[in-house]
Structures are given as C-alpha cells and as structure tokens.
C-alpha cells in the first residue's frame, strides 16, 4: 500500500503517501480539506548524509514557504 487515509471528526483527512524516488524514499503527510490538499510534513531518507542525519523530518508552517 502506498497511501493511507485517516478521517478526522470534522471531516478533514490526514493522508500519508509513501514515495520511492531513486535513493530518497520518503513519507509525505497531507491535510485534505474537501478539494484542497496541503502538504504538512514529511520524512525522507538521504543516504548521502552521515548518520544520524540520514533521516530528515520537516513540518510546514502555513505562513512560510520553507520547513
């Protein structure tokens, strides 16, 4: 399974999507509100980094472009 959805009490959904792009597998979490979908956080494996920095976790803030 590459995707999993959790419906919240207010009807919005959290959707986790697994991605395999070459050597950088990741999990992205989206907040779905009706037709609108927003990427809110992610975890990515980067084999080019030294341990323990190979796993990068980022969370987005609605008022900023970067994590």
N, C-alpha and C. Protein backbone atom coordinates (compact mmCIF):
# COMPACT_ATOMS: atom_id res chain seq x y z
N UNK A 1 0.84 -1.17 0.00
CA UNK A 1 0.00 0.00 0.00
C UNK A 1 0.88 1.24 0.00
N UNK A 2 0.63 2.18 -0.90
CA UNK A 2 1.42 3.40 -1.00
C UNK A 2 0.75 4.60 -0.36
N UNK A 3 -0.51 4.43 0.09
CA UNK A 3 -1.24 5.55 0.64
C UNK A 3 -2.19 5.06 1.74
N UNK A 4 -2.34 5.89 2.78
CA UNK A 4 -3.24 5.55 3.87
C UNK A 4 -3.93 6.84 4.31
N UNK A 5 -5.24 6.77 4.58
CA UNK A 5 -6.01 7.96 4.95
C UNK A 5 -6.68 7.76 6.30
N UNK A 6 -6.67 8.83 7.11
CA UNK A 6 -7.35 8.85 8.39
C UNK A 6 -8.33 10.02 8.37
N UNK A 7 -9.62 9.73 8.51
CA UNK A 7 -10.64 10.78 8.54
C UNK A 7 -10.79 11.29 9.96
N UNK A 8 -10.71 12.61 10.12
CA UNK A 8 -10.83 13.25 11.43
C UNK A 8 -12.29 13.58 11.73
N UNK A 9 -12.64 13.82 13.00
CA UNK A 9 -14.04 14.07 13.36
C UNK A 9 -14.71 15.22 12.59
N UNK A 10 -13.93 16.23 12.18
CA UNK A 10 -14.53 17.36 11.46
C UNK A 10 -14.65 17.12 9.95
N UNK A 11 -14.28 15.93 9.49
CA UNK A 11 -14.41 15.58 8.08
C UNK A 11 -13.15 15.77 7.27
N UNK A 12 -12.16 16.51 7.80
CA UNK A 12 -10.89 16.63 7.09
C UNK A 12 -10.18 15.28 7.18
N UNK A 13 -9.18 15.10 6.31
CA UNK A 13 -8.47 13.82 6.29
C UNK A 13 -6.96 14.05 6.34
N UNK A 14 -6.27 13.19 7.06
CA UNK A 14 -4.82 13.12 7.00
C UNK A 14 -4.49 11.98 6.06
N UNK A 15 -3.63 12.25 5.09
CA UNK A 15 -3.28 11.24 4.09
C UNK A 15 -1.77 11.07 4.06
N UNK A 16 -1.30 9.85 4.34
CA UNK A 16 0.13 9.52 4.30
C UNK A 16 0.43 8.84 2.98
N UNK A 17 1.44 9.35 2.28
CA UNK A 17 1.82 8.81 0.97
C UNK A 17 3.28 8.37 1.01
N UNK A 18 3.51 7.12 0.67
CA UNK A 18 4.88 6.59 0.59
C UNK A 18 5.40 6.86 -0.82
N UNK A 19 6.65 7.28 -0.90
CA UNK A 19 7.24 7.62 -2.19
C UNK A 19 8.63 6.99 -2.32
N UNK A 20 8.91 6.40 -3.46
CA UNK A 20 10.24 5.85 -3.75
C UNK A 20 10.79 6.56 -4.98
N UNK A 21 11.55 7.62 -4.75
CA UNK A 21 12.18 8.34 -5.86
C UNK A 21 13.68 8.07 -5.81
N UNK A 22 14.11 7.05 -6.54
CA UNK A 22 15.52 6.71 -6.55
C UNK A 22 16.01 6.30 -5.17
N UNK A 23 17.06 6.95 -4.72
CA UNK A 23 17.68 6.61 -3.44
C UNK A 23 17.10 7.40 -2.27
N UNK A 24 16.02 8.15 -2.49
CA UNK A 24 15.47 9.03 -1.46
C UNK A 24 14.02 8.67 -1.12
N UNK A 25 13.79 7.53 -0.48
CA UNK A 25 12.42 7.18 -0.11
C UNK A 25 11.90 8.16 0.94
N UNK A 26 10.59 8.40 0.89
CA UNK A 26 10.01 9.35 1.84
C UNK A 26 8.56 9.01 2.15
N UNK A 27 8.08 9.64 3.20
CA UNK A 27 6.67 9.60 3.56
C UNK A 27 6.22 11.05 3.66
N UNK A 28 5.14 11.38 2.96
CA UNK A 28 4.59 12.73 3.00
C UNK A 28 3.21 12.67 3.63
N UNK A 29 2.91 13.66 4.49
CA UNK A 29 1.61 13.73 5.15
C UNK A 29 0.88 14.97 4.60
N UNK A 30 -0.33 14.74 4.08
CA UNK A 30 -1.16 15.80 3.54
C UNK A 30 -2.39 16.00 4.41
N UNK A 31 -2.86 17.24 4.50
CA UNK A 31 -4.13 17.56 5.14
C UNK A 31 -5.10 17.87 4.02
N UNK A 32 -6.13 17.03 3.86
CA UNK A 32 -7.12 17.19 2.80
C UNK A 32 -8.38 17.80 3.38
N UNK A 33 -8.77 18.95 2.83
CA UNK A 33 -10.00 19.65 3.23
C UNK A 33 -10.84 19.81 1.98
N UNK A 34 -11.78 18.92 1.76
CA UNK A 34 -12.60 18.96 0.55
C UNK A 34 -11.72 18.77 -0.67
N UNK A 35 -11.76 19.73 -1.58
CA UNK A 35 -10.95 19.66 -2.80
C UNK A 35 -9.52 20.16 -2.59
N UNK A 36 -9.25 20.81 -1.45
CA UNK A 36 -7.93 21.38 -1.17
C UNK A 36 -7.07 20.38 -0.42
N UNK A 37 -5.82 20.24 -0.85
CA UNK A 37 -4.86 19.34 -0.22
C UNK A 37 -3.58 20.11 0.07
N UNK A 38 -3.08 19.99 1.30
CA UNK A 38 -1.89 20.73 1.71
C UNK A 38 -0.86 19.77 2.31
N UNK A 39 0.37 19.81 1.79
CA UNK A 39 1.47 19.03 2.36
C UNK A 39 1.84 19.68 3.69
N UNK A 40 1.74 18.91 4.79
CA UNK A 40 2.02 19.50 6.10
C UNK A 40 3.32 19.01 6.73
N UNK A 41 3.79 17.80 6.37
CA UNK A 41 5.07 17.33 6.90
C UNK A 41 5.59 16.15 6.08
N UNK A 42 6.85 15.81 6.30
CA UNK A 42 7.47 14.71 5.56
C UNK A 42 8.63 14.13 6.36
N UNK A 43 9.01 12.93 5.99
CA UNK A 43 10.23 12.29 6.49
C UNK A 43 10.91 11.68 5.27
N UNK A 44 12.21 11.95 5.10
CA UNK A 44 12.94 11.50 3.92
C UNK A 44 14.28 10.89 4.33
N UNK A 45 14.66 9.82 3.66
CA UNK A 45 15.96 9.18 3.88
C UNK A 45 16.93 9.68 2.82
N UNK A 46 18.09 10.18 3.25
CA UNK A 46 19.11 10.68 2.34
C UNK A 46 20.42 9.93 2.62
N UNK A 47 20.78 8.95 1.77
CA UNK A 47 21.98 8.14 2.02
C UNK A 47 23.29 8.92 1.87
N UNK A 48 23.23 10.14 1.33
CA UNK A 48 24.44 10.94 1.15
C UNK A 48 24.88 11.63 2.44
N UNK A 49 24.01 11.66 3.44
CA UNK A 49 24.32 12.29 4.73
C UNK A 49 24.96 11.28 5.66
N UNK A 50 25.67 11.78 6.65
CA UNK A 50 26.29 10.95 7.67
C UNK A 50 25.25 10.62 8.75
N UNK A 51 25.33 9.39 9.32
CA UNK A 51 24.43 9.07 10.43
C UNK A 51 24.70 10.03 11.59
N UNK A 52 23.74 10.45 12.31
CA UNK A 52 22.32 10.12 12.28
C UNK A 52 21.50 11.10 11.43
N UNK A 53 22.13 11.87 10.57
CA UNK A 53 21.43 12.90 9.80
C UNK A 53 20.86 12.37 8.49
N UNK A 54 20.84 11.06 8.29
CA UNK A 54 20.32 10.48 7.06
C UNK A 54 18.81 10.60 6.95
N UNK A 55 18.13 10.74 8.08
CA UNK A 55 16.68 10.91 8.06
C UNK A 55 16.36 12.38 8.34
N UNK A 56 15.68 13.01 7.39
CA UNK A 56 15.29 14.40 7.52
C UNK A 56 13.78 14.45 7.75
N UNK A 57 13.35 15.18 8.78
CA UNK A 57 11.94 15.34 9.08
C UNK A 57 11.64 16.82 9.01
N UNK A 58 10.59 17.17 8.28
CA UNK A 58 10.23 18.57 8.15
C UNK A 58 8.75 18.78 8.32
N UNK A 59 8.39 19.91 8.91
CA UNK A 59 6.98 20.29 9.06
C UNK A 59 6.82 21.69 8.47
N UNK A 60 5.75 21.87 7.73
CA UNK A 60 5.48 23.16 7.09
C UNK A 60 4.62 24.03 7.98
N UNK A 61 4.85 25.35 7.88
CA UNK A 61 4.01 26.33 8.56
C UNK A 61 3.27 27.10 7.48
N UNK A 62 1.99 27.32 7.65
CA UNK A 62 1.17 27.93 6.59
C UNK A 62 1.64 29.31 6.17
N UNK A 63 2.33 30.04 7.04
CA UNK A 63 2.77 31.39 6.71
C UNK A 63 4.21 31.44 6.19
N UNK A 64 4.88 30.28 6.01
CA UNK A 64 6.24 30.24 5.50
C UNK A 64 6.35 29.23 4.37
N UNK A 65 7.24 29.49 3.40
CA UNK A 65 7.44 28.58 2.28
C UNK A 65 8.33 27.39 2.63
N UNK A 66 9.29 27.59 3.53
CA UNK A 66 10.24 26.54 3.88
C UNK A 66 9.83 25.82 5.15
N UNK A 67 10.41 24.61 5.32
CA UNK A 67 10.14 23.85 6.55
C UNK A 67 10.90 24.43 7.71
